[in-house]
């Protein structure tokens, strides 16, 4: 397997991983609570995504930049929604 195919496979799976938190968002919205969600964990991941974007940009590597940009957006949305529903059901 050449490196281009591996990069495409990794970037594709990276996008799948990036949108996976949408499942958590769906759960928060359904329960109207984020009491069982660690916002600190999400924040650490989000900083990591930003660092990978910077690294990918430095390398001019879209296989790093694209999935991590998506992950950063979804991660930030998850944090915002989790904080909004922090107090539990109303």
C-alpha atoms as a PDB file:
ATOM      1  CA  UNK A   1       0.000   0.000   0.000  1.00  0.00           C
ATOM      2  CA  UNK A   2       1.518   3.301  -0.993  1.00  0.00           C
ATOM      3  CA  UNK A   3       1.571   6.330   1.262  1.00  0.00           C
ATOM      4  CA  UNK A   4      -1.069   8.201  -0.759  1.00  0.00           C
ATOM      5  CA  UNK A   5      -3.632   5.427  -0.269  1.00  0.00           C
ATOM      6  CA  UNK A   6      -2.756   5.248   3.405  1.00  0.00           C
ATOM      7  CA  UNK A   7      -3.149   9.031   3.725  1.00  0.00           C
ATOM      8  CA  UNK A   8      -6.584   8.895   2.061  1.00  0.00           C
ATOM      9  CA  UNK A   9      -7.676   6.012   4.306  1.00  0.00           C
ATOM     10  CA  UNK A  10      -6.407   7.779   7.424  1.00  0.00           C
ATOM     11  CA  UNK A  11      -8.024  11.096   6.447  1.00  0.00           C
ATOM     12  CA  UNK A  12     -11.324   9.377   5.665  1.00  0.00           C
ATOM     13  CA  UNK A  13     -11.357   7.575   8.991  1.00  0.00           C
ATOM     14  CA  UNK A  14     -10.267  10.815  10.648  1.00  0.00           C
ATOM     15  CA  UNK A  15     -13.403  12.482   9.297  1.00  0.00           C
ATOM     16  CA  UNK A  16     -15.538   9.621  10.647  1.00  0.00           C
ATOM     17  CA  UNK A  17     -13.854  10.092  14.033  1.00  0.00           C
ATOM     18  CA  UNK A  18     -14.347  13.850  13.768  1.00  0.00           C
ATOM     19  CA  UNK A  19     -18.111  13.571  13.418  1.00  0.00           C
ATOM     20  CA  UNK A  20     -18.468  10.845  16.070  1.00  0.00           C
ATOM     21  CA  UNK A  21     -19.128  13.409  18.854  1.00  0.00           C
ATOM     22  CA  UNK A  22     -22.385  14.227  17.052  1.00  0.00           C
ATOM     23  CA  UNK A  23     -23.665  11.067  18.754  1.00  0.00           C
ATOM     24  CA  UNK A  24     -22.836  12.665  22.105  1.00  0.00           C
ATOM     25  CA  UNK A  25     -24.544  15.892  21.076  1.00  0.00           C
ATOM     26  CA  UNK A  26     -27.632  13.899  20.142  1.00  0.00           C
ATOM     27  CA  UNK A  27     -27.632  12.245  23.565  1.00  0.00           C
ATOM     28  CA  UNK A  28     -27.243  15.572  25.380  1.00  0.00           C
ATOM     29  CA  UNK A  29     -30.127  17.061  23.428  1.00  0.00           C
ATOM     30  CA  UNK A  30     -32.331  14.010  24.000  1.00  0.00           C
ATOM     31  CA  UNK A  31     -31.675  13.933  27.753  1.00  0.00           C
ATOM     32  CA  UNK A  32     -31.493  17.740  28.002  1.00  0.00           C
ATOM     33  CA  UNK A  33     -28.527  17.203  30.323  1.00  0.00           C
ATOM     34  CA  UNK A  34     -24.753  16.948  30.060  1.00  0.00           C
ATOM     35  CA  UNK A  35     -24.089  15.959  33.652  1.00  0.00           C
ATOM     36  CA  UNK A  36     -22.314  12.747  32.574  1.00  0.00           C
ATOM     37  CA  UNK A  37     -20.050  14.513  30.037  1.00  0.00           C
ATOM     38  CA  UNK A  38     -16.496  15.561  30.887  1.00  0.00           C
ATOM     39  CA  UNK A  39     -16.036  19.050  29.441  1.00  0.00           C
ATOM     40  CA  UNK A  40     -12.379  18.953  30.498  1.00  0.00           C
ATOM     41  CA  UNK A  41     -11.814  15.863  28.356  1.00  0.00           C
ATOM     42  CA  UNK A  42     -13.485  17.565  25.405  1.00  0.00           C
ATOM     43  CA  UNK A  43     -11.346  20.673  25.922  1.00  0.00           C
ATOM     44  CA  UNK A  44      -8.123  18.623  25.904  1.00  0.00           C
ATOM     45  CA  UNK A  45      -9.195  16.937  22.663  1.00  0.00           C
ATOM     46  CA  UNK A  46     -10.109  20.262  21.087  1.00  0.00           C
ATOM     47  CA  UNK A  47      -6.696  21.759  21.878  1.00  0.00           C
ATOM     48  CA  UNK A  48      -5.138  18.631  20.357  1.00  0.00           C
ATOM     49  CA  UNK A  49      -7.150  19.112  17.170  1.00  0.00           C
ATOM     50  CA  UNK A  50      -5.905  22.698  16.918  1.00  0.00           C
ATOM     51  CA  UNK A  51      -2.311  21.528  17.331  1.00  0.00           C
ATOM     52  CA  UNK A  52      -2.732  18.873  14.624  1.00  0.00           C
ATOM     53  CA  UNK A  53      -4.195  21.520  12.305  1.00  0.00           C
ATOM     54  CA  UNK A  54      -1.148  23.727  12.901  1.00  0.00           C
ATOM     55  CA  UNK A  55       1.194  20.783  12.307  1.00  0.00           C
ATOM     56  CA  UNK A  56      -0.660  19.772   9.150  1.00  0.00           C
ATOM     57  CA  UNK A  57      -0.608  23.356   7.891  1.00  0.00           C
ATOM     58  CA  UNK A  58       3.140  23.562   8.530  1.00  0.00           C
ATOM     59  CA  UNK A  59       3.572  20.416   6.448  1.00  0.00           C
ATOM     60  CA  UNK A  60       0.978  21.559   3.877  1.00  0.00           C
ATOM     61  CA  UNK A  61      -0.715  18.206   4.465  1.00  0.00           C
ATOM     62  CA  UNK A  62      -4.472  18.259   3.824  1.00  0.00           C
ATOM     63  CA  UNK A  63      -4.757  14.700   5.206  1.00  0.00           C
ATOM     64  CA  UNK A  64      -3.999  16.219   8.630  1.00  0.00           C
ATOM     65  CA  UNK A  65      -5.702  19.577   8.205  1.00  0.00           C
ATOM     66  CA  UNK A  66      -9.123  18.533   6.865  1.00  0.00           C
ATOM     67  CA  UNK A  67     -10.182  15.888   9.412  1.00  0.00           C
ATOM     68  CA  UNK A  68      -8.791  17.854  12.339  1.00  0.00           C
ATOM     69  CA  UNK A  69     -10.567  21.026  11.198  1.00  0.00           C
ATOM     70  CA  UNK A  70     -13.840  19.108  11.134  1.00  0.00           C
ATOM     71  CA  UNK A  71     -13.034  17.582  14.526  1.00  0.00           C
ATOM     72  CA  UNK A  72     -12.237  21.018  15.952  1.00  0.00           C
ATOM     73  CA  UNK A  73     -15.600  22.365  14.818  1.00  0.00           C
ATOM     74  CA  UNK A  74     -17.563  19.389  16.118  1.00  0.00           C
ATOM     75  CA  UNK A  75     -15.565  19.375  19.356  1.00  0.00           C
ATOM     76  CA  UNK A  76     -16.221  23.074  19.935  1.00  0.00           C
ATOM     77  CA  UNK A  77     -19.930  22.555  19.225  1.00  0.00           C
ATOM     78  CA  UNK A  78     -20.007  19.659  21.679  1.00  0.00           C
ATOM     79  CA  UNK A  79     -18.424  21.820  24.387  1.00  0.00           C
ATOM     80  CA  UNK A  80     -20.882  24.662  23.773  1.00  0.00           C
ATOM     81  CA  UNK A  81     -23.873  22.316  23.888  1.00  0.00           C
ATOM     82  CA  UNK A  82     -22.530  20.479  26.945  1.00  0.00           C
ATOM     83  CA  UNK A  83     -22.080  23.754  28.816  1.00  0.00           C
ATOM     84  CA  UNK A  84     -25.542  24.924  27.802  1.00  0.00           C
ATOM     85  CA  UNK A  85     -27.137  21.779  29.217  1.00  0.00           C
ATOM     86  CA  UNK A  86     -24.834  21.524  32.256  1.00  0.00           C
ATOM     87  CA  UNK A  87     -27.548  22.076  34.854  1.00  0.00           C
ATOM     88  CA  UNK A  88     -29.563  19.063  33.726  1.00  0.00           C
ATOM     89  CA  UNK A  89     -33.174  18.812  32.623  1.00  0.00           C
ATOM     90  CA  UNK A  90     -35.386  21.805  33.274  1.00  0.00           C
END
